[in-house]
């Protein structure tokens, strides 16, 4: 089928205003905010319903056209830039908040609902409930973040955001619509079991097994008060035990670590940022005293910060990119890795050395996940987007970091294509075989975001 005929069929499905192959429209979809090189896009469509997504998938199967779903487009690792061309499905029109169940504490939403939209809606209509919010701009989608095992606000207590999914509605590679979780049996999207749990197949598979159209995400009670207790540590070796001790209590709502060489006064220190909540000032004061004592016992110290700094860290979302653009060129790439607690000191050293090797200001951080069961550790590499050599430098630093993370026993998070191949090289052979068999079974025409998780 000719290009014009395919475009006409896409227009018939979604409407003329929501399908395009004009170069000026495709340009923005050929790249993302990270350091990935631009790639070719043939069409962009903005479906408005699950049924329209089904029709697009059936057309793509018929014509053997690759499909790449996109939420907010903020992964920074090129996951929504097509590797083999084809159609980008921009899900932003599917932005309905379908239901908020106040008693069972979940929100049923379409795939294009952003964190800013859901947070504002809950604040206005359900002020006693709060959603998991990632460390990203408010234009990030709730579904997109959860489906890449994203983390952020509330991750320390309740796990990564993928663990907060109750149910999914997914368009499979053959165009069939499938419900996963309790919604497969019940009218309520309240939990994942007790039936075989297939939701995990669609998290961190980057759209290679299906396109999510609806999602149920857990909500949580909102405490009356919230504060931060900052700590300052000179020796990273004490961090694993200190963090383990903090998480063994019920004091911390969230825990962040920050390490960076700019401004100069921050160099050589790890900043421990512990969020606490309570119903009274007395409760907050009691938790603050406990943390101060724990800092002192670990040869660290409590740090009093200016009120404005505290206000910035209490923002939702707490957007880390504000401090990342040291190159003043509009770009930063970061390597995220899931690691166990004991690897924190080693990865701080590795990240600092790789940053300095590439002439980049060391900027590292971490977020606790699931009361210390894991850490999402990140290393940010800023670059000047107007300088191709500087972008290449950031990509090389990213690749070196992915290799180092795997060597010490961590797993790169939301890995770009090269990083995925590094993971596959180290992966258990039978896990890799199972992944290949599932992909071939569900997607025999190879149209679903091809090139990602490609078992060779």
Protein backbone atom coordinates (compact mmCIF):
# COMPACT_ATOMS: atom_id res chain seq x y z
CA UNK A 1 0.00 0.00 0.00
CA UNK A 2 1.30 3.46 -0.87
CA UNK A 3 2.13 6.10 1.72
CA UNK A 4 -0.85 8.25 0.72
CA UNK A 5 -3.20 5.29 1.08
CA UNK A 6 -1.88 4.43 4.53
CA UNK A 7 -2.25 8.04 5.65
CA UNK A 8 -5.84 8.09 4.36
CA UNK A 9 -6.67 4.93 6.32
CA UNK A 10 -5.12 6.42 9.48
CA UNK A 11 -7.15 9.60 8.95
CA UNK A 12 -10.29 7.50 8.56
CA UNK A 13 -9.56 5.88 11.94
CA UNK A 14 -8.62 8.90 14.08
CA UNK A 15 -9.78 11.90 12.06
CA UNK A 16 -7.86 14.11 9.66
CA UNK A 17 -6.58 16.40 12.43
CA UNK A 18 -4.93 13.52 14.31
CA UNK A 19 -2.87 11.73 11.66
CA UNK A 20 0.08 13.16 9.76
CA UNK A 21 3.18 12.41 7.74
CA UNK A 22 4.25 16.04 7.27
CA UNK A 23 7.95 16.48 7.96
CA UNK A 24 7.37 19.48 10.22
CA UNK A 25 5.06 17.34 12.39
CA UNK A 26 7.30 14.27 12.38
CA UNK A 27 10.40 16.21 13.42
CA UNK A 28 9.58 16.41 17.13
CA UNK A 29 8.81 12.68 17.24
CA UNK A 30 12.17 11.76 15.69
CA UNK A 31 14.04 12.63 18.90
CA UNK A 32 13.63 12.90 22.65
CA UNK A 33 15.12 15.18 25.35
CA UNK A 34 18.06 12.80 25.91
CA UNK A 35 21.26 12.27 23.92
CA UNK A 36 19.92 9.66 21.47
CA UNK A 37 20.44 10.41 17.79
CA UNK A 38 17.29 11.30 15.81
CA UNK A 39 15.61 8.45 13.92
CA UNK A 40 13.16 8.32 11.04
CA UNK A 41 9.38 8.45 11.63
CA UNK A 42 6.86 7.74 8.85
CA UNK A 43 3.53 8.64 10.50
CA UNK A 44 2.18 10.01 13.76
CA UNK A 45 -1.35 9.28 14.97
CA UNK A 46 -3.19 10.42 18.09
CA UNK A 47 -5.90 7.86 18.88
CA UNK A 48 -8.84 8.94 21.00
CA UNK A 49 -10.08 5.55 22.18
CA UNK A 50 -9.11 1.92 22.71
CA UNK A 51 -11.12 1.00 19.63
CA UNK A 52 -9.07 3.38 17.49
CA UNK A 53 -5.86 1.84 18.84
CA UNK A 54 -7.20 -1.59 17.87
CA UNK A 55 -7.90 -0.43 14.31
CA UNK A 56 -4.41 1.10 14.00
CA UNK A 57 -2.79 -2.13 15.21
CA UNK A 58 -4.81 -4.20 12.72
CA UNK A 59 -3.80 -1.88 9.88
CA UNK A 60 -0.15 -2.08 10.95
CA UNK A 61 -0.34 -5.88 10.94
CA UNK A 62 -1.92 -5.89 7.51
CA UNK A 63 0.77 -3.61 6.07
CA UNK A 64 3.67 -4.86 8.27
CA UNK A 65 4.30 -1.33 9.59
CA UNK A 66 6.19 -0.90 12.91
CA UNK A 67 4.32 0.72 15.82
CA UNK A 68 5.86 2.74 18.67
CA UNK A 69 3.58 3.93 21.52
CA UNK A 70 4.40 7.22 23.25
CA UNK A 71 3.17 8.80 26.47
CA UNK A 72 4.93 11.95 27.64
CA UNK A 73 8.08 11.16 25.63
CA UNK A 74 10.33 11.81 28.63
CA UNK A 75 12.25 8.56 29.11
CA UNK A 76 15.49 10.25 27.89
CA UNK A 77 16.72 6.93 26.48
CA UNK A 78 15.12 6.89 23.04
CA UNK A 79 12.48 4.29 23.88
CA UNK A 80 9.72 6.15 22.03
CA UNK A 81 11.83 7.01 18.97
CA UNK A 82 11.15 4.32 16.34
CA UNK A 83 14.18 2.21 15.51
CA UNK A 84 12.76 0.92 12.23
CA UNK A 85 10.47 3.79 11.27
CA UNK A 86 6.73 3.32 11.05
CA UNK A 87 3.90 4.81 13.12
CA UNK A 88 4.23 6.62 16.44
CA UNK A 89 1.05 6.40 18.53
CA UNK A 90 0.91 9.56 20.64
CA UNK A 91 -1.50 8.65 23.45
CA UNK A 92 -2.10 12.19 24.79
CA UNK A 93 -5.71 12.42 23.56
CA UNK A 94 -6.63 9.46 25.75
CA UNK A 95 -6.60 11.60 28.88
CA UNK A 96 -9.76 10.70 30.78
CA UNK A 97 -9.81 10.03 34.51
CA UNK A 98 -12.53 7.39 34.38
CA UNK A 99 -13.01 6.62 38.06
CA UNK A 100 -11.58 7.33 41.48
CA UNK A 101 -12.57 4.71 44.04
CA UNK A 102 -12.19 6.47 47.37
CA UNK A 103 -12.79 3.42 49.56
CA UNK A 104 -10.52 0.96 47.73
CA UNK A 105 -8.08 3.76 46.86
CA UNK A 106 -7.41 3.44 43.17
CA UNK A 107 -7.78 5.59 40.07
CA UNK A 108 -8.82 4.13 36.72
CA UNK A 109 -7.33 6.30 33.99
CA UNK A 110 -6.59 6.31 30.28
CA UNK A 111 -3.00 5.98 29.10
CA UNK A 112 -2.55 9.68 28.32
CA UNK A 113 -3.38 11.05 31.78
CA UNK A 114 -0.42 13.03 33.12
CA UNK A 115 0.86 13.19 36.67
CA UNK A 116 -0.02 16.89 36.82
CA UNK A 117 -3.59 16.18 35.68
CA UNK A 118 -4.18 13.39 38.20
CA UNK A 119 -2.56 15.29 41.07
CA UNK A 120 -4.63 18.42 40.39
CA UNK A 121 -7.83 16.38 40.04
CA UNK A 122 -7.28 14.59 43.34
CA UNK A 123 -6.34 17.79 45.16
CA UNK A 124 -9.58 19.38 43.97
CA UNK A 125 -11.94 16.43 44.41
CA UNK A 126 -10.33 13.91 46.77
CA UNK A 127 -8.00 15.98 48.98
CA UNK A 128 -7.38 13.09 51.39
CA UNK A 129 -5.86 10.89 48.66
CA UNK A 130 -2.49 11.12 46.93
CA UNK A 131 -1.06 9.36 43.85
CA UNK A 132 2.50 8.14 43.22
CA UNK A 133 4.30 11.03 41.50
CA UNK A 134 7.58 10.55 39.58
CA UNK A 135 10.58 12.88 39.69
CA UNK A 136 9.71 14.36 36.32
CA UNK A 137 7.80 17.28 34.79
CA UNK A 138 4.01 17.20 35.30
CA UNK A 139 3.58 16.32 31.61
CA UNK A 140 4.87 12.79 32.25
CA UNK A 141 2.09 10.20 31.97
CA UNK A 142 1.13 8.04 34.93
CA UNK A 143 0.93 4.96 32.69
CA UNK A 144 4.25 5.63 30.97
CA UNK A 145 6.07 5.98 34.27
CA UNK A 146 4.49 2.92 35.88
CA UNK A 147 5.11 0.77 32.79
CA UNK A 148 8.89 1.36 32.93
CA UNK A 149 9.14 0.53 36.65
CA UNK A 150 9.40 4.24 37.36
CA UNK A 151 9.90 5.55 40.86
CA UNK A 152 9.31 8.76 42.76
CA UNK A 153 7.11 10.03 45.53
CA UNK A 154 5.96 7.18 47.86
CA UNK A 155 8.39 4.62 46.37
CA UNK A 156 10.25 4.17 49.65
CA UNK A 157 7.16 2.94 51.46
CA UNK A 158 5.27 1.18 48.68
CA UNK A 159 7.73 0.12 45.97
CA UNK A 160 8.39 1.23 42.42
CA UNK A 161 5.41 2.56 40.50
CA UNK A 162 5.12 -0.61 38.45
CA UNK A 163 4.24 -2.38 41.70
CA UNK A 164 1.37 0.08 42.15
CA UNK A 165 -0.49 -1.11 39.05
CA UNK A 166 -3.76 -2.89 39.88
CA UNK A 167 -4.86 -3.61 36.33
CA UNK A 168 -4.31 -2.89 32.66
CA UNK A 169 -6.30 -2.77 29.46
CA UNK A 170 -3.93 -3.66 26.63
CA UNK A 171 -4.28 -3.89 22.86
CA UNK A 172 -2.31 -6.98 21.90
CA UNK A 173 -0.20 -7.18 18.72
CA UNK A 174 -3.07 -8.87 16.85
CA UNK A 175 -5.45 -6.00 17.69
CA UNK A 176 -7.40 -7.87 20.37
CA UNK A 177 -8.28 -6.04 23.60
CA UNK A 178 -7.22 -7.77 26.82
CA UNK A 179 -7.88 -6.90 30.47
CA UNK A 180 -5.31 -7.89 33.09
CA UNK A 181 -5.71 -8.01 36.86
CA UNK A 182 -8.95 -8.16 38.83
CA UNK A 183 -10.73 -6.30 36.01
CA UNK A 184 -10.44 -9.49 33.94
CA UNK A 185 -12.96 -11.08 36.33
CA UNK A 186 -14.60 -8.25 38.27
CA UNK A 187 -16.02 -4.83 37.45
CA UNK A 188 -13.60 -3.43 40.06
CA UNK A 189 -9.98 -2.63 39.10
CA UNK A 190 -8.77 -3.08 42.66
CA UNK A 191 -5.95 -5.68 42.64
CA UNK A 192 -3.73 -7.91 40.47
CA UNK A 193 -4.64 -11.30 41.91
CA UNK A 194 -5.51 -13.93 42.90
CA UNK A 195 -5.29 -15.07 39.27
CA UNK A 196 -2.22 -15.62 37.04
CA UNK A 197 -0.48 -12.23 36.94
CA UNK A 198 0.42 -11.23 33.38
CA UNK A 199 0.79 -7.51 34.13
CA UNK A 200 4.53 -7.95 34.60
CA UNK A 201 4.87 -8.90 30.93
CA UNK A 202 3.89 -5.37 29.97
CA UNK A 203 6.19 -3.51 32.39
CA UNK A 204 9.63 -2.58 31.06
CA UNK A 205 8.90 -4.40 27.79
CA UNK A 206 8.71 -0.95 26.15
CA UNK A 207 5.65 -1.55 23.99
CA UNK A 208 7.01 -4.73 22.39
CA UNK A 209 4.15 -6.91 23.67
CA UNK A 210 1.17 -4.58 23.48
CA UNK A 211 -0.15 -1.04 23.84
CA UNK A 212 -1.67 -0.05 27.17
CA UNK A 213 -4.88 1.96 26.84
CA UNK A 214 -6.16 2.00 30.45
CA UNK A 215 -4.52 1.55 33.83
CA UNK A 216 -5.60 1.31 37.44
CA UNK A 217 -3.07 2.87 39.80
CA UNK A 218 -3.05 2.66 43.60
CA UNK A 219 -3.80 5.77 45.64
CA UNK A 220 -2.78 6.36 49.24
CA UNK A 221 -4.01 8.34 52.27
CA UNK A 222 -2.56 11.84 52.41
CA UNK A 223 -1.01 12.76 55.78
CA UNK A 224 -1.88 16.10 57.28
CA UNK A 225 1.72 17.34 57.56
CA UNK A 226 4.96 16.74 55.69
CA UNK A 227 8.53 17.84 56.36
CA UNK A 228 12.15 17.01 55.46
CA UNK A 229 15.10 16.13 57.68
CA UNK A 230 18.41 16.67 55.87
CA UNK A 231 21.57 14.79 56.75
CA UNK A 232 25.14 15.28 55.60
CA UNK A 233 27.60 12.42 55.13
CA UNK A 234 31.30 12.60 54.28
CA UNK A 235 32.02 8.87 53.96
CA UNK A 236 29.76 6.96 51.50
CA UNK A 237 30.74 3.66 53.13
CA UNK A 238 28.41 4.36 56.05
CA UNK A 239 25.36 4.87 53.81
CA UNK A 240 24.13 1.26 53.37
CA UNK A 241 23.92 0.60 57.11
CA UNK A 242 22.51 4.05 57.90
CA UNK A 243 19.77 3.70 55.28
CA UNK A 244 18.99 0.16 56.41
CA UNK A 245 18.61 1.43 59.98
CA UNK A 246 16.31 4.27 58.91
CA UNK A 247 14.09 1.97 56.86
CA UNK A 248 13.85 -0.52 59.74
CA UNK A 249 11.80 2.11 61.56
CA UNK A 250 8.51 3.57 60.37
CA UNK A 251 9.92 7.10 60.35
CA UNK A 252 10.62 7.79 56.67
CA UNK A 253 8.00 8.33 53.99
CA UNK A 254 10.66 8.80 51.28
CA UNK A 255 14.45 8.84 51.18
CA UNK A 256 16.66 10.49 48.57
CA UNK A 257 20.43 10.78 48.25
CA UNK A 258 22.17 13.59 46.39
CA UNK A 259 25.83 13.88 45.36
CA UNK A 260 27.14 16.66 43.13
CA UNK A 261 30.22 18.85 42.71
CA UNK A 262 28.36 22.09 41.96
CA UNK A 263 27.96 24.42 43.73
CA UNK A 264 31.42 24.04 45.26
CA UNK A 265 30.17 23.78 48.84
CA UNK A 266 28.40 20.49 47.98
CA UNK A 267 31.54 18.75 46.72
CA UNK A 268 32.65 15.75 48.74
CA UNK A 269 29.37 15.23 50.58
CA UNK A 270 26.36 12.96 50.23
CA UNK A 271 23.11 14.68 51.12
CA UNK A 272 20.56 12.45 52.84
CA UNK A 273 17.03 13.74 52.31
CA UNK A 274 14.42 12.02 54.46
CA UNK A 275 10.75 12.95 54.08
CA UNK A 276 8.59 12.54 57.16
CA UNK A 277 4.85 12.86 57.68
CA UNK A 278 2.51 13.19 60.61
CA UNK A 279 -0.80 14.40 61.93
CA UNK A 280 0.67 16.83 64.48
CA UNK A 281 3.74 19.02 64.96
CA UNK A 282 4.66 16.81 67.92
CA UNK A 283 4.77 13.74 65.69
CA UNK A 284 7.04 15.50 63.18
CA UNK A 285 9.28 16.71 66.01
CA UNK A 286 9.57 13.19 67.42
CA UNK A 287 10.57 11.75 64.04
CA UNK A 288 13.08 14.55 63.50
CA UNK A 289 14.75 13.76 66.83
CA UNK A 290 14.99 10.07 65.92
CA UNK A 291 16.67 10.89 62.60
CA UNK A 292 19.09 13.37 64.17
CA UNK A 293 20.17 10.67 66.61
CA UNK A 294 20.61 8.14 63.80
CA UNK A 295 22.71 10.61 61.80
CA UNK A 296 25.00 11.22 64.78
CA UNK A 297 25.36 7.50 65.47
CA UNK A 298 26.49 6.98 61.86
CA UNK A 299 29.12 9.75 62.06
CA UNK A 300 26.96 12.00 59.91
CA UNK A 301 25.21 15.17 60.93
CA UNK A 302 21.89 16.93 60.70
CA UNK A 303 21.80 19.86 58.28
CA UNK A 304 19.52 22.86 58.67
CA UNK A 305 18.64 24.31 55.26
CA UNK A 306 17.07 27.64 54.25
CA UNK A 307 13.29 27.67 54.06
CA UNK A 308 13.30 28.25 50.28
CA UNK A 309 15.47 25.15 49.71
CA UNK A 310 13.09 23.10 51.82
CA UNK A 311 10.12 24.41 49.82
CA UNK A 312 11.77 23.31 46.56
CA UNK A 313 12.29 19.78 47.86
CA UNK A 314 8.71 19.61 49.11
CA UNK A 315 7.32 20.40 45.66
CA UNK A 316 5.36 17.69 43.83
CA UNK A 317 6.87 16.71 41.50
CA UNK A 318 10.34 17.33 42.89
CA UNK A 319 11.92 17.94 39.49
CA UNK A 320 15.63 17.02 39.63
CA UNK A 321 16.40 18.38 36.14
CA UNK A 322 16.37 21.92 37.53
CA UNK A 323 19.92 21.30 38.76
CA UNK A 324 21.19 19.09 35.95
CA UNK A 325 21.87 21.44 33.03
CA UNK A 326 25.43 22.43 33.94
CA UNK A 327 26.43 22.59 30.27
CA UNK A 328 23.81 25.29 29.61
CA UNK A 329 23.01 23.59 26.34
CA UNK A 330 19.56 22.27 27.05
CA UNK A 331 20.32 18.60 27.52
CA UNK A 332 20.98 15.96 30.12
CA UNK A 333 21.09 12.18 29.94
CA UNK A 334 21.03 9.97 32.94
CA UNK A 335 21.70 6.36 33.69
CA UNK A 336 19.29 4.82 36.12
CA UNK A 337 20.12 1.52 37.76
CA UNK A 338 18.37 -0.70 40.26
CA UNK A 339 20.93 -1.87 42.82
CA UNK A 340 20.97 -3.44 46.29
CA UNK A 341 21.91 -1.19 49.22
CA UNK A 342 25.44 -2.54 49.60
CA UNK A 343 26.46 -1.27 46.14
CA UNK A 344 25.83 2.43 46.91
CA UNK A 345 29.45 3.38 47.82
CA UNK A 346 30.90 1.53 44.82
CA UNK A 347 28.50 3.13 42.35
CA UNK A 348 29.15 6.60 43.78
CA UNK A 349 32.84 6.07 43.05
CA UNK A 350 32.20 4.63 39.57
CA UNK A 351 29.80 7.41 38.60
CA UNK A 352 32.15 10.13 39.82
CA UNK A 353 35.12 8.65 37.94
CA UNK A 354 33.20 8.26 34.66
CA UNK A 355 31.85 11.82 34.95
CA UNK A 356 35.30 13.31 35.49
CA UNK A 357 36.79 11.18 32.70
CA UNK A 358 34.28 12.72 30.28
CA UNK A 359 34.66 16.26 31.61
CA UNK A 360 31.16 16.32 33.12
CA UNK A 361 30.32 17.76 36.54
CA UNK A 362 29.55 14.74 38.78
CA UNK A 363 25.82 14.72 39.54
CA UNK A 364 24.51 11.57 41.20
CA UNK A 365 21.55 10.59 43.28
CA UNK A 366 19.37 7.77 44.49
CA UNK A 367 15.86 7.00 45.64
CA UNK A 368 14.96 4.24 48.08
CA UNK A 369 12.45 1.68 46.85
CA UNK A 370 10.30 -0.62 48.98
CA UNK A 371 11.75 0.18 52.43
CA UNK A 372 15.30 -0.55 51.35
CA UNK A 373 14.71 -3.63 49.22
CA UNK A 374 16.29 -1.75 46.30
CA UNK A 375 17.76 1.59 45.29
CA UNK A 376 17.13 3.43 42.05
CA UNK A 377 20.54 5.07 41.58
CA UNK A 378 21.05 7.67 38.86
CA UNK A 379 24.02 9.42 37.30
CA UNK A 380 23.28 12.52 35.23
CA UNK A 381 25.39 13.50 32.22
CA UNK A 382 24.64 17.02 31.00
CA UNK A 383 25.49 18.07 27.45
CA UNK A 384 25.12 20.93 25.01
CA UNK A 385 22.42 19.90 22.54
CA UNK A 386 23.90 22.23 19.92
CA UNK A 387 27.22 20.35 20.03
CA UNK A 388 27.18 16.87 18.38
CA UNK A 389 30.53 15.96 19.97
CA UNK A 390 29.20 16.82 23.41
CA UNK A 391 26.13 14.64 22.82
CA UNK A 392 28.38 11.79 21.70
CA UNK A 393 30.44 12.26 24.87
CA UNK A 394 27.28 11.85 26.99
CA UNK A 395 26.29 8.69 25.08
CA UNK A 396 29.73 7.19 25.66
CA UNK A 397 29.52 7.96 29.38
CA UNK A 398 26.07 6.35 29.44
CA UNK A 399 27.36 3.17 27.77
CA UNK A 400 30.35 2.90 30.12
CA UNK A 401 28.05 3.30 33.11
CA UNK A 402 25.63 0.61 31.91
CA UNK A 403 28.55 -1.81 31.55
CA UNK A 404 29.89 -0.95 35.00
CA UNK A 405 26.45 -1.32 36.62
CA UNK A 406 26.06 -4.83 35.19
CA UNK A 407 29.59 -5.80 36.23
CA UNK A 408 28.99 -4.95 39.90
CA UNK A 409 25.57 -6.66 40.03
CA UNK A 410 23.03 -3.92 39.26
CA UNK A 411 20.51 -3.67 36.41
CA UNK A 412 20.27 -0.60 34.13
CA UNK A 413 16.83 1.01 34.26
CA UNK A 414 14.83 1.99 31.13
CA UNK A 415 17.90 1.08 29.11
CA UNK A 416 18.36 2.40 25.58
CA UNK A 417 18.87 -0.12 22.76
CA UNK A 418 22.61 -0.60 23.37
CA UNK A 419 21.96 -0.97 27.09
CA UNK A 420 19.27 -3.57 26.41
CA UNK A 421 21.80 -5.60 24.45
CA UNK A 422 24.25 -5.45 27.36
CA UNK A 423 21.52 -6.76 29.66
CA UNK A 424 20.59 -9.52 27.21
CA UNK A 425 24.24 -10.62 27.01
CA UNK A 426 24.27 -11.20 30.77
CA UNK A 427 20.74 -12.58 31.02
CA UNK A 428 20.00 -16.18 31.97
CA UNK A 429 19.79 -18.08 28.63
CA UNK A 430 16.41 -19.61 29.41
CA UNK A 431 14.95 -16.24 30.46
CA UNK A 432 16.19 -14.85 27.16
CA UNK A 433 14.71 -17.81 25.26
CA UNK A 434 11.37 -17.34 27.02
CA UNK A 435 11.35 -13.63 26.15
CA UNK A 436 12.01 -14.40 22.49
CA UNK A 437 9.31 -17.08 22.38
CA UNK A 438 6.71 -14.80 23.98
CA UNK A 439 7.50 -11.98 21.55
CA UNK A 440 7.33 -14.30 18.55
CA UNK A 441 4.06 -15.83 19.76
CA UNK A 442 2.29 -12.53 20.45
CA UNK A 443 3.85 -10.51 17.62
CA UNK A 444 4.68 -12.84 14.70
CA UNK A 445 4.86 -9.90 12.27
CA UNK A 446 7.38 -8.06 14.46
CA UNK A 447 5.52 -4.73 14.39
CA UNK A 448 5.62 -3.80 18.09
CA UNK A 449 8.39 -1.24 18.71
CA UNK A 450 10.87 -3.49 16.87
CA UNK A 451 14.53 -3.28 17.77
CA UNK A 452 13.79 -3.10 21.50
CA UNK A 453 14.59 -6.23 23.56
CA UNK A 454 15.69 -7.89 20.33
CA UNK A 455 17.07 -11.33 21.14
CA UNK A 456 19.61 -12.12 18.43
